[in-house]
Amino acid sequence: MRSILLFLICLMSFNVSANVIIFPENITVLSVNGIEQSSHFFARETQIEFSTGNQVVVLKYQDLFEGDDDHTKVKSKPFVVLFTLNELLNAKNKIMAVTPRIEELSQAKAFAKNPKVKLLMESGKEIASVNQSLIKFNAQGQFVKLTHNNKSAKLNESVIANSQTINKHNMLKEKCSDNRQQAHKVSSIERLKCLWNKANKAEKEAFLHYISAQQ
């Protein structure tokens, strides 16, 4: 019985595909797929095992530079790397998270404003990935929720008679008009809806970033 259990355990271990990604010392891993990671500023490198599938990794760039009198610490805001590890990758091959070559303080400050990493296999082949700020990532998530809620609301409204829909549309037009005499009759929510409908894409993204930063 014990030998059968050992055989099953070994068989399961061979079926599990895990890839090791090595992050350099100037990149701190904050979380992996929503799980926070412990890290140390002076660690030489960080090695993390990943199973196959979609990955969401939150990173931060930070480094220390010597000055004339003291040391200058440069760090970025958290940023997200999105990528997918498929079953075709050889689990024995290690993957390197690579940053541009940074030797001077000015280079570090420039990189900290827009940090990006590449994922390279030992063969030199790059794994497709997307880098973006954590604020933008969260804002897009909030936008998806808003879109989903709007679609659900539209489905629920489909049971309302066409005449009622037309009346509501006409009322909304009247509320969104620039008539100052009607402005005091409109609630704050209705005003926000009107402003949102009038805003362009850039203004909507900026507002979503503001909402995310307030949370």
N, C-alpha and C. Protein backbone atom coordinates (compact mmCIF):
# COMPACT_ATOMS: atom_id res chain seq x y z
N MET A 1 0.83 -1.20 0.00
CA MET A 1 0.00 0.00 0.00
C MET A 1 0.86 1.25 0.00
N ARG A 2 1.91 1.25 0.83
CA ARG A 2 2.79 2.41 0.92
C ARG A 2 3.49 2.65 -0.40
N SER A 3 3.90 1.58 -1.08
CA SER A 3 4.59 1.72 -2.36
C SER A 3 3.67 2.32 -3.41
N ILE A 4 2.38 1.97 -3.36
CA ILE A 4 1.42 2.54 -4.31
C ILE A 4 1.25 4.03 -4.08
N LEU A 5 1.19 4.45 -2.81
CA LEU A 5 1.07 5.87 -2.49
C LEU A 5 2.29 6.65 -2.96
N LEU A 6 3.47 6.09 -2.75
CA LEU A 6 4.70 6.75 -3.21
C LEU A 6 4.71 6.90 -4.72
N PHE A 7 4.23 5.85 -5.41
CA PHE A 7 4.18 5.90 -6.87
C PHE A 7 3.23 7.00 -7.35
N LEU A 8 2.06 7.12 -6.69
CA LEU A 8 1.09 8.15 -7.08
C LEU A 8 1.64 9.55 -6.82
N ILE A 9 2.35 9.73 -5.70
CA ILE A 9 2.94 11.03 -5.38
C ILE A 9 3.98 11.41 -6.43
N CYS A 10 4.82 10.46 -6.80
CA CYS A 10 5.85 10.73 -7.81
C CYS A 10 5.21 11.05 -9.15
N LEU A 11 4.14 10.32 -9.50
CA LEU A 11 3.46 10.56 -10.76
C LEU A 11 2.86 11.95 -10.80
N MET A 12 2.27 12.39 -9.70
CA MET A 12 1.69 13.73 -9.63
C MET A 12 2.76 14.79 -9.75
N SER A 13 3.92 14.57 -9.15
CA SER A 13 5.00 15.55 -9.20
C SER A 13 5.53 15.72 -10.60
N PHE A 14 5.51 14.66 -11.41
CA PHE A 14 5.99 14.77 -12.78
C PHE A 14 4.98 15.49 -13.66
N ASN A 15 3.70 15.42 -13.30
CA ASN A 15 2.67 16.06 -14.11
C ASN A 15 2.55 17.55 -13.83
N VAL A 16 3.07 18.01 -12.72
CA VAL A 16 2.98 19.43 -12.37
C VAL A 16 4.10 20.19 -13.06
N SER A 17 3.72 21.18 -13.86
CA SER A 17 4.70 21.96 -14.59
C SER A 17 4.93 23.27 -13.87
N ALA A 18 6.17 23.54 -13.51
CA ALA A 18 6.50 24.77 -12.80
C ALA A 18 7.72 25.40 -13.45
N ASN A 19 7.63 26.70 -13.70
CA ASN A 19 8.74 27.45 -14.26
C ASN A 19 9.29 28.38 -13.20
N VAL A 20 10.61 28.51 -13.15
CA VAL A 20 11.26 29.39 -12.19
C VAL A 20 11.62 30.69 -12.89
N ILE A 21 11.17 31.79 -12.33
CA ILE A 21 11.52 33.11 -12.86
C ILE A 21 12.44 33.80 -11.85
N ILE A 22 13.56 34.30 -12.35
CA ILE A 22 14.55 34.96 -11.50
C ILE A 22 14.45 36.48 -11.70
N PHE A 23 14.22 37.18 -10.60
CA PHE A 23 14.12 38.63 -10.64
C PHE A 23 15.42 39.22 -10.09
N PRO A 24 15.98 40.24 -10.74
CA PRO A 24 17.25 40.83 -10.28
C PRO A 24 17.10 41.56 -8.96
N GLU A 25 18.22 41.93 -8.37
CA GLU A 25 18.21 42.54 -7.04
C GLU A 25 17.52 43.90 -7.00
N ASN A 26 17.46 44.60 -8.13
CA ASN A 26 16.82 45.92 -8.12
C ASN A 26 15.31 45.86 -8.38
N ILE A 27 14.77 44.65 -8.51
CA ILE A 27 13.33 44.47 -8.70
C ILE A 27 12.76 43.71 -7.51
N THR A 28 11.82 44.32 -6.81
CA THR A 28 11.17 43.70 -5.66
C THR A 28 9.82 43.13 -6.08
N VAL A 29 9.57 41.88 -5.75
CA VAL A 29 8.29 41.24 -6.07
C VAL A 29 7.33 41.48 -4.90
N LEU A 30 6.29 42.25 -5.16
CA LEU A 30 5.33 42.59 -4.11
C LEU A 30 4.22 41.54 -3.98
N SER A 31 3.74 41.04 -5.10
CA SER A 31 2.70 40.02 -5.04
C SER A 31 2.69 39.21 -6.33
N VAL A 32 2.22 37.97 -6.22
CA VAL A 32 2.09 37.07 -7.37
C VAL A 32 0.67 36.53 -7.38
N ASN A 33 -0.08 36.90 -8.40
CA ASN A 33 -1.48 36.45 -8.53
C ASN A 33 -2.28 36.72 -7.25
N GLY A 34 -2.07 37.91 -6.69
CA GLY A 34 -2.82 38.33 -5.52
C GLY A 34 -2.25 37.90 -4.19
N ILE A 35 -1.16 37.12 -4.21
CA ILE A 35 -0.54 36.65 -2.97
C ILE A 35 0.70 37.50 -2.67
N GLU A 36 0.71 38.17 -1.53
CA GLU A 36 1.84 39.02 -1.16
C GLU A 36 3.10 38.20 -0.96
N GLN A 37 4.23 38.81 -1.34
CA GLN A 37 5.52 38.14 -1.24
C GLN A 37 6.41 38.89 -0.26
N SER A 38 7.14 38.15 0.57
CA SER A 38 8.11 38.77 1.47
C SER A 38 9.40 39.02 0.70
N SER A 39 10.03 40.16 0.95
CA SER A 39 11.23 40.50 0.21
C SER A 39 12.15 41.32 1.10
N HIS A 40 13.41 41.40 0.66
CA HIS A 40 14.42 42.18 1.37
C HIS A 40 15.12 43.08 0.36
N PHE A 41 15.39 44.31 0.78
CA PHE A 41 15.95 45.31 -0.13
C PHE A 41 17.30 44.89 -0.67
N PHE A 42 18.13 44.26 0.16
CA PHE A 42 19.49 43.93 -0.26
C PHE A 42 19.62 42.48 -0.76
N ALA A 43 18.50 41.83 -1.06
CA ALA A 43 18.57 40.48 -1.60
C ALA A 43 19.20 40.52 -2.99
N ARG A 44 20.08 39.58 -3.29
CA ARG A 44 20.76 39.58 -4.58
C ARG A 44 19.81 39.28 -5.73
N GLU A 45 18.92 38.34 -5.53
CA GLU A 45 17.93 38.01 -6.54
C GLU A 45 16.78 37.26 -5.88
N THR A 46 15.68 37.20 -6.59
CA THR A 46 14.50 36.50 -6.09
C THR A 46 14.08 35.45 -7.11
N GLN A 47 13.91 34.22 -6.66
CA GLN A 47 13.47 33.13 -7.52
C GLN A 47 12.09 32.66 -7.09
N ILE A 48 11.16 32.64 -8.03
CA ILE A 48 9.78 32.25 -7.73
C ILE A 48 9.32 31.23 -8.76
N GLU A 49 8.65 30.19 -8.28
CA GLU A 49 8.10 29.16 -9.17
C GLU A 49 6.70 29.56 -9.62
N PHE A 50 6.44 29.37 -10.90
CA PHE A 50 5.14 29.67 -11.48
C PHE A 50 4.59 28.43 -12.17
N SER A 51 3.32 28.16 -11.97
CA SER A 51 2.66 27.11 -12.71
C SER A 51 2.19 27.68 -14.05
N THR A 52 1.69 26.83 -14.93
CA THR A 52 1.22 27.31 -16.22
C THR A 52 -0.07 28.12 -16.06
N GLY A 53 -0.31 29.00 -17.01
CA GLY A 53 -1.52 29.82 -16.98
C GLY A 53 -1.21 31.30 -16.99
N ASN A 54 -2.26 32.09 -16.83
CA ASN A 54 -2.12 33.55 -16.81
C ASN A 54 -1.53 34.00 -15.48
N GLN A 55 -0.64 35.01 -15.56
CA GLN A 55 0.06 35.48 -14.36
C GLN A 55 -0.11 37.00 -14.21
N VAL A 56 -0.30 37.43 -12.96
CA VAL A 56 -0.36 38.85 -12.63
C VAL A 56 0.65 39.10 -11.50
N VAL A 57 1.73 39.79 -11.82
CA VAL A 57 2.81 40.00 -10.86
C VAL A 57 2.99 41.50 -10.63
N VAL A 58 2.98 41.90 -9.36
CA VAL A 58 3.18 43.31 -9.00
C VAL A 58 4.63 43.48 -8.55
N LEU A 59 5.33 44.41 -9.20
CA LEU A 59 6.76 44.62 -8.94
C LEU A 59 7.01 46.07 -8.55
N LYS A 60 8.23 46.30 -8.06
CA LYS A 60 8.68 47.66 -7.76
C LYS A 60 10.18 47.73 -8.01
N TYR A 61 10.61 48.78 -8.69
CA TYR A 61 12.04 48.99 -8.92
C TYR A 61 12.61 49.84 -7.79
N GLN A 62 13.77 49.44 -7.25
CA GLN A 62 14.46 50.25 -6.26
C GLN A 62 15.94 49.90 -6.27
N ASP A 63 16.75 50.94 -6.13
CA ASP A 63 18.19 50.74 -6.16
C ASP A 63 18.86 51.85 -5.36
N LEU A 64 20.11 51.62 -5.01
CA LEU A 64 20.88 52.55 -4.18
C LEU A 64 22.11 53.01 -4.95
N PHE A 65 22.31 54.33 -4.98
CA PHE A 65 23.45 54.89 -5.70
C PHE A 65 24.30 55.73 -4.76
N GLU A 66 25.60 55.63 -4.91
CA GLU A 66 26.53 56.38 -4.08
C GLU A 66 26.69 57.79 -4.62
N GLY A 67 26.63 58.78 -3.70
CA GLY A 67 26.85 60.17 -4.07
C GLY A 67 28.13 60.68 -3.45
N ASP A 68 28.33 61.98 -3.52
CA ASP A 68 29.53 62.59 -2.95
C ASP A 68 29.53 62.52 -1.43
N ASP A 69 28.38 62.77 -0.83
CA ASP A 69 28.30 62.81 0.63
C ASP A 69 27.49 61.63 1.20
N ASP A 70 26.49 61.17 0.50
CA ASP A 70 25.64 60.12 1.03
C ASP A 70 25.15 59.22 -0.10
N HIS A 71 24.17 58.37 0.20
CA HIS A 71 23.61 57.47 -0.79
C HIS A 71 22.21 57.95 -1.19
N THR A 72 21.88 57.73 -2.43
CA THR A 72 20.57 58.11 -2.95
C THR A 72 19.79 56.87 -3.31
N LYS A 73 18.62 56.74 -2.73
CA LYS A 73 17.75 55.60 -3.01
C LYS A 73 16.72 55.99 -4.04
N VAL A 74 16.66 55.25 -5.12
CA VAL A 74 15.71 55.50 -6.19
C VAL A 74 14.70 54.35 -6.23
N LYS A 75 13.43 54.68 -6.28
CA LYS A 75 12.41 53.64 -6.35
C LYS A 75 11.23 54.10 -7.18
N SER A 76 10.57 53.16 -7.76
CA SER A 76 9.41 53.44 -8.61
C SER A 76 8.13 53.15 -7.85
N LYS A 77 7.03 53.57 -8.44
CA LYS A 77 5.73 53.15 -7.92
C LYS A 77 5.47 51.71 -8.37
N PRO A 78 4.65 50.97 -7.65
CA PRO A 78 4.37 49.59 -8.05
C PRO A 78 3.83 49.51 -9.48
N PHE A 79 4.29 48.52 -10.21
CA PHE A 79 3.80 48.30 -11.57
C PHE A 79 3.49 46.82 -11.76
N VAL A 80 2.68 46.53 -12.76
CA VAL A 80 2.17 45.18 -12.98
C VAL A 80 2.74 44.60 -14.27
N VAL A 81 3.07 43.33 -14.22
CA VAL A 81 3.50 42.59 -15.41
C VAL A 81 2.51 41.45 -15.64
N LEU A 82 1.90 41.43 -16.81
CA LEU A 82 0.93 40.41 -17.18
C LEU A 82 1.54 39.52 -18.25
N PHE A 83 1.48 38.22 -18.04
CA PHE A 83 2.01 37.28 -19.02
C PHE A 83 1.37 35.91 -18.83
N THR A 84 1.63 35.02 -19.77
CA THR A 84 1.06 33.67 -19.74
C THR A 84 2.17 32.65 -19.93
N LEU A 85 2.18 31.64 -19.09
CA LEU A 85 3.11 30.53 -19.23
C LEU A 85 2.32 29.32 -19.73
N ASN A 86 2.64 28.85 -20.93
CA ASN A 86 1.91 27.71 -21.48
C ASN A 86 2.66 26.41 -21.24
N GLU A 87 2.01 25.32 -21.52
CA GLU A 87 2.57 24.00 -21.24
C GLU A 87 3.72 23.63 -22.18
N LEU A 88 3.89 24.40 -23.25
CA LEU A 88 4.96 24.10 -24.20
C LEU A 88 6.33 24.52 -23.67
N LEU A 89 6.35 25.39 -22.67
CA LEU A 89 7.63 25.82 -22.10
C LEU A 89 8.26 24.68 -21.30
N ASN A 90 9.55 24.56 -21.43
CA ASN A 90 10.27 23.54 -20.66
C ASN A 90 10.44 24.03 -19.23
N ALA A 91 9.88 23.27 -18.30
CA ALA A 91 9.91 23.70 -16.90
C ALA A 91 11.33 23.75 -16.35
N LYS A 92 12.25 23.04 -16.99
CA LYS A 92 13.63 23.03 -16.51
C LYS A 92 14.37 24.31 -16.87
N ASN A 93 13.89 25.03 -17.86
CA ASN A 93 14.53 26.27 -18.27
C ASN A 93 14.14 27.40 -17.34
N LYS A 94 15.12 28.11 -16.85
CA LYS A 94 14.84 29.26 -16.00
C LYS A 94 14.55 30.48 -16.86
N ILE A 95 13.72 31.34 -16.33
CA ILE A 95 13.32 32.56 -17.02
C ILE A 95 13.86 33.75 -16.25
N MET A 96 14.46 34.70 -16.97
CA MET A 96 15.05 35.88 -16.33
C MET A 96 14.17 37.10 -16.57
N ALA A 97 13.88 37.84 -15.50
CA ALA A 97 13.25 39.15 -15.62
C ALA A 97 14.36 40.17 -15.80
N VAL A 98 14.37 40.85 -16.92
CA VAL A 98 15.51 41.70 -17.28
C VAL A 98 15.08 43.15 -17.37
N THR A 99 15.90 44.04 -16.84
CA THR A 99 15.71 45.48 -16.97
C THR A 99 16.80 46.04 -17.88
N PRO A 100 16.63 47.24 -18.41
CA PRO A 100 17.72 47.86 -19.16
C PRO A 100 18.95 48.05 -18.27
N ARG A 101 20.09 48.20 -18.88
CA ARG A 101 21.32 48.41 -18.11
C ARG A 101 21.29 49.80 -17.48
N ILE A 102 21.35 49.83 -16.16
CA ILE A 102 21.27 51.09 -15.41
C ILE A 102 22.55 51.25 -14.60
N GLU A 103 23.35 52.25 -14.94
CA GLU A 103 24.62 52.46 -14.24
C GLU A 103 24.71 53.81 -13.54
N GLU A 104 23.95 54.78 -14.01
CA GLU A 104 24.03 56.13 -13.45
C GLU A 104 22.71 56.50 -12.77
N LEU A 105 22.81 57.48 -11.87
CA LEU A 105 21.64 57.93 -11.13
C LEU A 105 20.58 58.49 -12.06
N SER A 106 20.98 59.23 -13.08
CA SER A 106 20.01 59.81 -14.02
C SER A 106 19.24 58.73 -14.76
N GLN A 107 19.93 57.64 -15.11
CA GLN A 107 19.27 56.52 -15.78
C GLN A 107 18.26 55.85 -14.85
N ALA A 108 18.63 55.72 -13.58
CA ALA A 108 17.74 55.10 -12.61
C ALA A 108 16.47 55.94 -12.41
N LYS A 109 16.63 57.25 -12.32
CA LYS A 109 15.47 58.12 -12.12
C LYS A 109 14.54 58.07 -13.33
N ALA A 110 15.13 58.03 -14.52
CA ALA A 110 14.31 57.95 -15.73
C ALA A 110 13.56 56.62 -15.80
N PHE A 111 14.24 55.54 -15.43
CA PHE A 111 13.60 54.22 -15.46
C PHE A 111 12.51 54.12 -14.40
N ALA A 112 12.73 54.73 -13.24
CA ALA A 112 11.74 54.67 -12.15
C ALA A 112 10.42 55.33 -12.54
N LYS A 113 10.48 56.30 -13.46
CA LYS A 113 9.25 56.96 -13.89
C LYS A 113 8.41 56.06 -14.80
N ASN A 114 9.07 55.16 -15.51
CA ASN A 114 8.35 54.26 -16.42
C ASN A 114 9.02 52.89 -16.42
N PRO A 115 8.90 52.14 -15.31
CA PRO A 115 9.61 50.85 -15.19
C PRO A 115 8.99 49.77 -16.07
N LYS A 116 9.85 48.97 -16.68
CA LYS A 116 9.41 47.85 -17.51
C LYS A 116 10.45 46.74 -17.43
N VAL A 117 9.98 45.51 -17.43
CA VAL A 117 10.88 44.37 -17.46
C VAL A 117 10.52 43.47 -18.64
N LYS A 118 11.52 42.74 -19.11
CA LYS A 118 11.32 41.72 -20.14
C LYS A 118 11.54 40.35 -19.52
N LEU A 119 10.85 39.37 -20.03
CA LEU A 119 11.01 37.99 -19.56
C LEU A 119 11.72 37.19 -20.65
N LEU A 120 12.95 36.77 -20.36
CA LEU A 120 13.76 36.07 -21.34
C LEU A 120 14.07 34.66 -20.87
N MET A 121 13.92 33.70 -21.78
CA MET A 121 14.31 32.32 -21.49
C MET A 121 15.81 32.17 -21.68
N GLU A 122 16.34 31.07 -21.22
CA GLU A 122 17.77 30.83 -21.34
C GLU A 122 18.22 30.81 -22.80
N SER A 123 17.32 30.44 -23.68
CA SER A 123 17.63 30.42 -25.11
C SER A 123 17.67 31.82 -25.71
N GLY A 124 17.22 32.83 -24.94
CA GLY A 124 17.17 34.19 -25.44
C GLY A 124 15.81 34.58 -25.98
N LYS A 125 14.89 33.63 -26.06
CA LYS A 125 13.55 33.92 -26.55
C LYS A 125 12.78 34.70 -25.51
N GLU A 126 12.08 35.74 -25.97
CA GLU A 126 11.31 36.59 -25.05
C GLU A 126 9.88 36.08 -24.92
N ILE A 127 9.39 36.06 -23.69
CA ILE A 127 8.01 35.70 -23.42
C ILE A 127 7.16 36.97 -23.47
N ALA A 128 6.10 36.92 -24.24
CA ALA A 128 5.25 38.10 -24.40
C ALA A 128 4.69 38.53 -23.04
N SER A 129 4.76 39.83 -22.76
CA SER A 129 4.28 40.36 -21.49
C SER A 129 3.79 41.79 -21.68
N VAL A 130 3.00 42.25 -20.74
CA VAL A 130 2.48 43.62 -20.74
C VAL A 130 2.84 44.27 -19.43
N ASN A 131 3.47 45.46 -19.50
CA ASN A 131 3.83 46.23 -18.31
C ASN A 131 2.92 47.44 -18.21
N GLN A 132 2.40 47.70 -17.04
CA GLN A 132 1.59 48.90 -16.82
C GLN A 132 1.59 49.26 -15.35
N SER A 133 1.27 50.50 -15.06
CA SER A 133 1.27 50.95 -13.67
C SER A 133 0.15 50.26 -12.90
N LEU A 134 0.35 50.12 -11.60
CA LEU A 134 -0.67 49.47 -10.76
C LEU A 134 -1.94 50.31 -10.74
N ILE A 135 -1.81 51.64 -10.75
CA ILE A 135 -2.99 52.51 -10.75
C ILE A 135 -3.81 52.28 -12.01
N LYS A 136 -3.14 52.21 -13.15
CA LYS A 136 -3.87 51.98 -14.41
C LYS A 136 -4.51 50.61 -14.42
N PHE A 137 -3.81 49.60 -13.91
CA PHE A 137 -4.34 48.25 -13.85
C PHE A 137 -5.61 48.21 -13.00
N ASN A 138 -5.57 48.84 -11.82
CA ASN A 138 -6.75 48.87 -10.94
C ASN A 138 -7.88 49.67 -11.57
N ALA A 139 -7.52 50.77 -12.23
CA ALA A 139 -8.54 51.60 -12.87
C ALA A 139 -9.25 50.85 -13.98
N GLN A 140 -8.50 50.07 -14.74
CA GLN A 140 -9.12 49.28 -15.80
C GLN A 140 -10.05 48.23 -15.22
N GLY A 141 -9.66 47.66 -14.07
CA GLY A 141 -10.52 46.70 -13.40
C GLY A 141 -11.83 47.33 -12.95
N GLN A 142 -11.74 48.55 -12.42
CA GLN A 142 -12.94 49.27 -12.01
C GLN A 142 -13.81 49.60 -13.23
N PHE A 143 -13.15 49.93 -14.35
CA PHE A 143 -13.89 50.27 -15.56
C PHE A 143 -14.65 49.06 -16.09
N VAL A 144 -14.02 47.88 -16.00
CA VAL A 144 -14.69 46.65 -16.44
C VAL A 144 -15.93 46.39 -15.59
N LYS A 145 -15.81 46.62 -14.27
CA LYS A 145 -16.98 46.44 -13.39
C LYS A 145 -18.10 47.41 -13.76
N LEU A 146 -17.72 48.67 -14.03
CA LEU A 146 -18.73 49.66 -14.41
C LEU A 146 -19.41 49.25 -15.72
N THR A 147 -18.61 48.77 -16.67
CA THR A 147 -19.18 48.33 -17.95
C THR A 147 -20.12 47.16 -17.76
N HIS A 148 -19.71 46.20 -16.90
CA HIS A 148 -20.56 45.03 -16.64
C HIS A 148 -21.87 45.46 -15.99
N ASN A 149 -21.79 46.38 -15.03
CA ASN A 149 -23.00 46.86 -14.36
C ASN A 149 -23.92 47.59 -15.33
N ASN A 150 -23.30 48.36 -16.25
CA ASN A 150 -24.10 49.08 -17.23
C ASN A 150 -24.82 48.12 -18.17
N LYS A 151 -24.11 47.03 -18.57
CA LYS A 151 -24.74 46.04 -19.45
C LYS A 151 -25.89 45.34 -18.74
N SER A 152 -25.70 45.02 -17.43
CA SER A 152 -26.76 44.36 -16.67
C SER A 152 -27.98 45.27 -16.54
N ALA A 153 -27.68 46.56 -16.32
CA ALA A 153 -28.78 47.51 -16.19
C ALA A 153 -29.58 47.62 -17.49
N LYS A 154 -28.84 47.58 -18.62
CA LYS A 154 -29.54 47.67 -19.91
C LYS A 154 -30.42 46.44 -20.15
N LEU A 155 -29.95 45.26 -19.71
CA LEU A 155 -30.75 44.05 -19.87
C LEU A 155 -32.02 44.12 -19.03
N ASN A 156 -31.87 44.67 -17.81
CA ASN A 156 -33.05 44.80 -16.95
C ASN A 156 -34.05 45.81 -17.50
N GLU A 157 -33.54 46.85 -18.14
CA GLU A 157 -34.41 47.89 -18.68
C GLU A 157 -35.15 47.46 -19.94
N SER A 158 -34.72 46.30 -20.52
CA SER A 158 -35.35 45.84 -21.76
C SER A 158 -36.80 45.44 -21.56
N VAL A 159 -37.21 45.18 -20.32
CA VAL A 159 -38.59 44.79 -20.05
C VAL A 159 -39.51 45.99 -19.91
N ILE A 160 -38.93 47.19 -19.91
CA ILE A 160 -39.74 48.41 -19.78
C ILE A 160 -40.32 48.78 -21.15
N ALA A 161 -41.50 49.30 -21.16
CA ALA A 161 -42.17 49.67 -22.41
C ALA A 161 -41.38 50.75 -23.13
N ASN A 162 -41.48 50.77 -24.46
CA ASN A 162 -40.75 51.74 -25.27
C ASN A 162 -41.16 53.17 -24.94
N SER A 163 -42.40 53.37 -24.63
CA SER A 163 -42.87 54.71 -24.31
C SER A 163 -42.20 55.24 -23.04
N GLN A 164 -42.05 54.38 -22.04
CA GLN A 164 -41.40 54.79 -20.80
C GLN A 164 -39.92 55.10 -21.05
N THR A 165 -39.27 54.31 -21.90
CA THR A 165 -37.86 54.54 -22.21
C THR A 165 -37.68 55.88 -22.89
N ILE A 166 -38.58 56.19 -23.81
CA ILE A 166 -38.48 57.47 -24.53
C ILE A 166 -38.69 58.63 -23.57
N ASN A 167 -39.63 58.48 -22.64
CA ASN A 167 -39.89 59.54 -21.67
C ASN A 167 -38.67 59.79 -20.79
N LYS A 168 -38.04 58.70 -20.34
CA LYS A 168 -36.85 58.85 -19.50
C LYS A 168 -35.72 59.51 -20.27
N HIS A 169 -35.60 59.15 -21.55
CA HIS A 169 -34.55 59.74 -22.38
C HIS A 169 -34.77 61.24 -22.54
N ASN A 170 -36.01 61.63 -22.74
CA ASN A 170 -36.32 63.05 -22.88
C ASN A 170 -36.07 63.80 -21.57
N MET A 171 -36.40 63.15 -20.44
CA MET A 171 -36.15 63.78 -19.14
C MET A 171 -34.66 63.97 -18.90
N LEU A 172 -33.85 62.96 -19.29
CA LEU A 172 -32.41 63.06 -19.11
C LEU A 172 -31.84 64.19 -19.95
N LYS A 173 -32.37 64.35 -21.17
CA LYS A 173 -31.91 65.44 -22.02
C LYS A 173 -32.20 66.78 -21.38
N GLU A 174 -33.37 66.88 -20.78
CA GLU A 174 -33.75 68.14 -20.14
C GLU A 174 -32.86 68.42 -18.93
N LYS A 175 -32.53 67.36 -18.15
CA LYS A 175 -31.68 67.53 -16.97
C LYS A 175 -30.26 67.89 -17.37
N CYS A 176 -29.79 67.39 -18.50
CA CYS A 176 -28.43 67.65 -18.93
C CYS A 176 -28.29 68.96 -19.70
N SER A 177 -29.38 69.66 -19.87
CA SER A 177 -29.30 70.92 -20.59
C SER A 177 -28.56 71.95 -19.75
N ASP A 178 -28.13 73.00 -20.39
CA ASP A 178 -27.36 74.07 -19.73
C ASP A 178 -28.26 75.14 -19.13
N ASN A 179 -29.53 74.86 -19.03
CA ASN A 179 -30.47 75.81 -18.47
C ASN A 179 -30.23 75.96 -16.99
N ARG A 180 -29.79 77.11 -16.54
CA ARG A 180 -29.46 77.33 -15.13
C ARG A 180 -30.69 77.22 -14.24
N GLN A 181 -31.85 77.54 -14.80
CA GLN A 181 -33.07 77.46 -13.99
C GLN A 181 -33.39 76.01 -13.63
N GLN A 182 -32.98 75.06 -14.46
CA GLN A 182 -33.23 73.65 -14.18
C GLN A 182 -32.11 73.01 -13.39
N ALA A 183 -30.94 73.67 -13.26
CA ALA A 183 -29.75 73.06 -12.63
C ALA A 183 -30.00 72.68 -11.18
N HIS A 184 -30.75 73.52 -10.44
CA HIS A 184 -30.97 73.25 -9.02
C HIS A 184 -31.91 72.07 -8.79
N LYS A 185 -32.63 71.64 -9.85
CA LYS A 185 -33.55 70.53 -9.71
C LYS A 185 -32.89 69.17 -9.97
N VAL A 186 -31.65 69.20 -10.43
CA VAL A 186 -30.95 67.96 -10.79
C VAL A 186 -30.08 67.50 -9.64
N SER A 187 -30.14 66.20 -9.29
CA SER A 187 -29.33 65.65 -8.20
C SER A 187 -27.87 65.57 -8.62
N SER A 188 -26.99 65.40 -7.60
CA SER A 188 -25.55 65.30 -7.87
C SER A 188 -25.25 64.08 -8.73
N ILE A 189 -25.94 62.96 -8.49
CA ILE A 189 -25.71 61.74 -9.28
C ILE A 189 -26.03 61.98 -10.74
N GLU A 190 -27.16 62.65 -11.00
CA GLU A 190 -27.56 62.92 -12.38
C GLU A 190 -26.55 63.85 -13.06
N ARG A 191 -26.01 64.81 -12.30
CA ARG A 191 -25.01 65.70 -12.88
C ARG A 191 -23.75 64.93 -13.26
N LEU A 192 -23.34 64.00 -12.37
CA LEU A 192 -22.15 63.19 -12.67
C LEU A 192 -22.38 62.34 -13.92
N LYS A 193 -23.59 61.78 -14.04
CA LYS A 193 -23.90 60.98 -15.22
C LYS A 193 -23.83 61.83 -16.49
N CYS A 194 -24.35 63.03 -16.39
CA CYS A 194 -24.33 63.92 -17.54
C CYS A 194 -22.90 64.27 -17.94
N LEU A 195 -22.08 64.61 -16.93
CA LEU A 195 -20.68 64.96 -17.20
C LEU A 195 -19.93 63.77 -17.78
N TRP A 196 -20.21 62.56 -17.27
CA TRP A 196 -19.54 61.34 -17.78
C TRP A 196 -19.89 61.11 -19.25
N ASN A 197 -21.16 61.31 -19.60
CA ASN A 197 -21.57 61.10 -20.99
C ASN A 197 -20.97 62.14 -21.93
N LYS A 198 -20.70 63.33 -21.41
CA LYS A 198 -20.12 64.39 -22.24
C LYS A 198 -18.60 64.29 -22.34
N ALA A 199 -17.98 63.58 -21.38
CA ALA A 199 -16.51 63.52 -21.32
C ALA A 199 -15.96 62.66 -22.46
N ASN A 200 -14.71 63.01 -22.88
CA ASN A 200 -14.04 62.20 -23.90
C ASN A 200 -13.29 61.05 -23.22
N LYS A 201 -12.63 60.22 -24.03
CA LYS A 201 -11.97 59.02 -23.51
C LYS A 201 -10.87 59.37 -22.51
N ALA A 202 -10.04 60.38 -22.83
CA ALA A 202 -8.93 60.77 -21.95
C ALA A 202 -9.45 61.29 -20.61
N GLU A 203 -10.53 62.06 -20.64
CA GLU A 203 -11.10 62.61 -19.41
C GLU A 203 -11.69 61.49 -18.55
N LYS A 204 -12.31 60.48 -19.19
CA LYS A 204 -12.87 59.36 -18.43
C LYS A 204 -11.76 58.56 -17.76
N GLU A 205 -10.65 58.32 -18.48
CA GLU A 205 -9.53 57.57 -17.90
C GLU A 205 -8.92 58.34 -16.72
N ALA A 206 -8.78 59.66 -16.86
CA ALA A 206 -8.22 60.47 -15.77
C ALA A 206 -9.12 60.41 -14.54
N PHE A 207 -10.45 60.41 -14.75
CA PHE A 207 -11.38 60.34 -13.63
C PHE A 207 -11.31 58.99 -12.94
N LEU A 208 -11.16 57.90 -13.72
CA LEU A 208 -11.04 56.57 -13.14
C LEU A 208 -9.75 56.44 -12.33
N HIS A 209 -8.66 57.04 -12.81
CA HIS A 209 -7.41 57.05 -12.07
C HIS A 209 -7.59 57.76 -10.74
N TYR A 210 -8.37 58.88 -10.76
CA TYR A 210 -8.61 59.63 -9.53
C TYR A 210 -9.40 58.79 -8.53
N ILE A 211 -10.43 58.07 -9.01
CA ILE A 211 -11.22 57.22 -8.12
C ILE A 211 -10.36 56.13 -7.50
N SER A 212 -9.50 55.50 -8.32
CA SER A 212 -8.63 54.43 -7.82
C SER A 212 -7.66 54.95 -6.76
N ALA A 213 -7.14 56.16 -6.97
CA ALA A 213 -6.17 56.72 -6.02
C ALA A 213 -6.82 57.08 -4.69
N GLN A 214 -8.15 57.34 -4.70
CA GLN A 214 -8.84 57.72 -3.47
C GLN A 214 -9.17 56.53 -2.60
N GLN A 215 -9.07 55.29 -3.15
CA GLN A 215 -9.46 54.10 -2.39
C GLN A 215 -8.33 53.67 -1.46
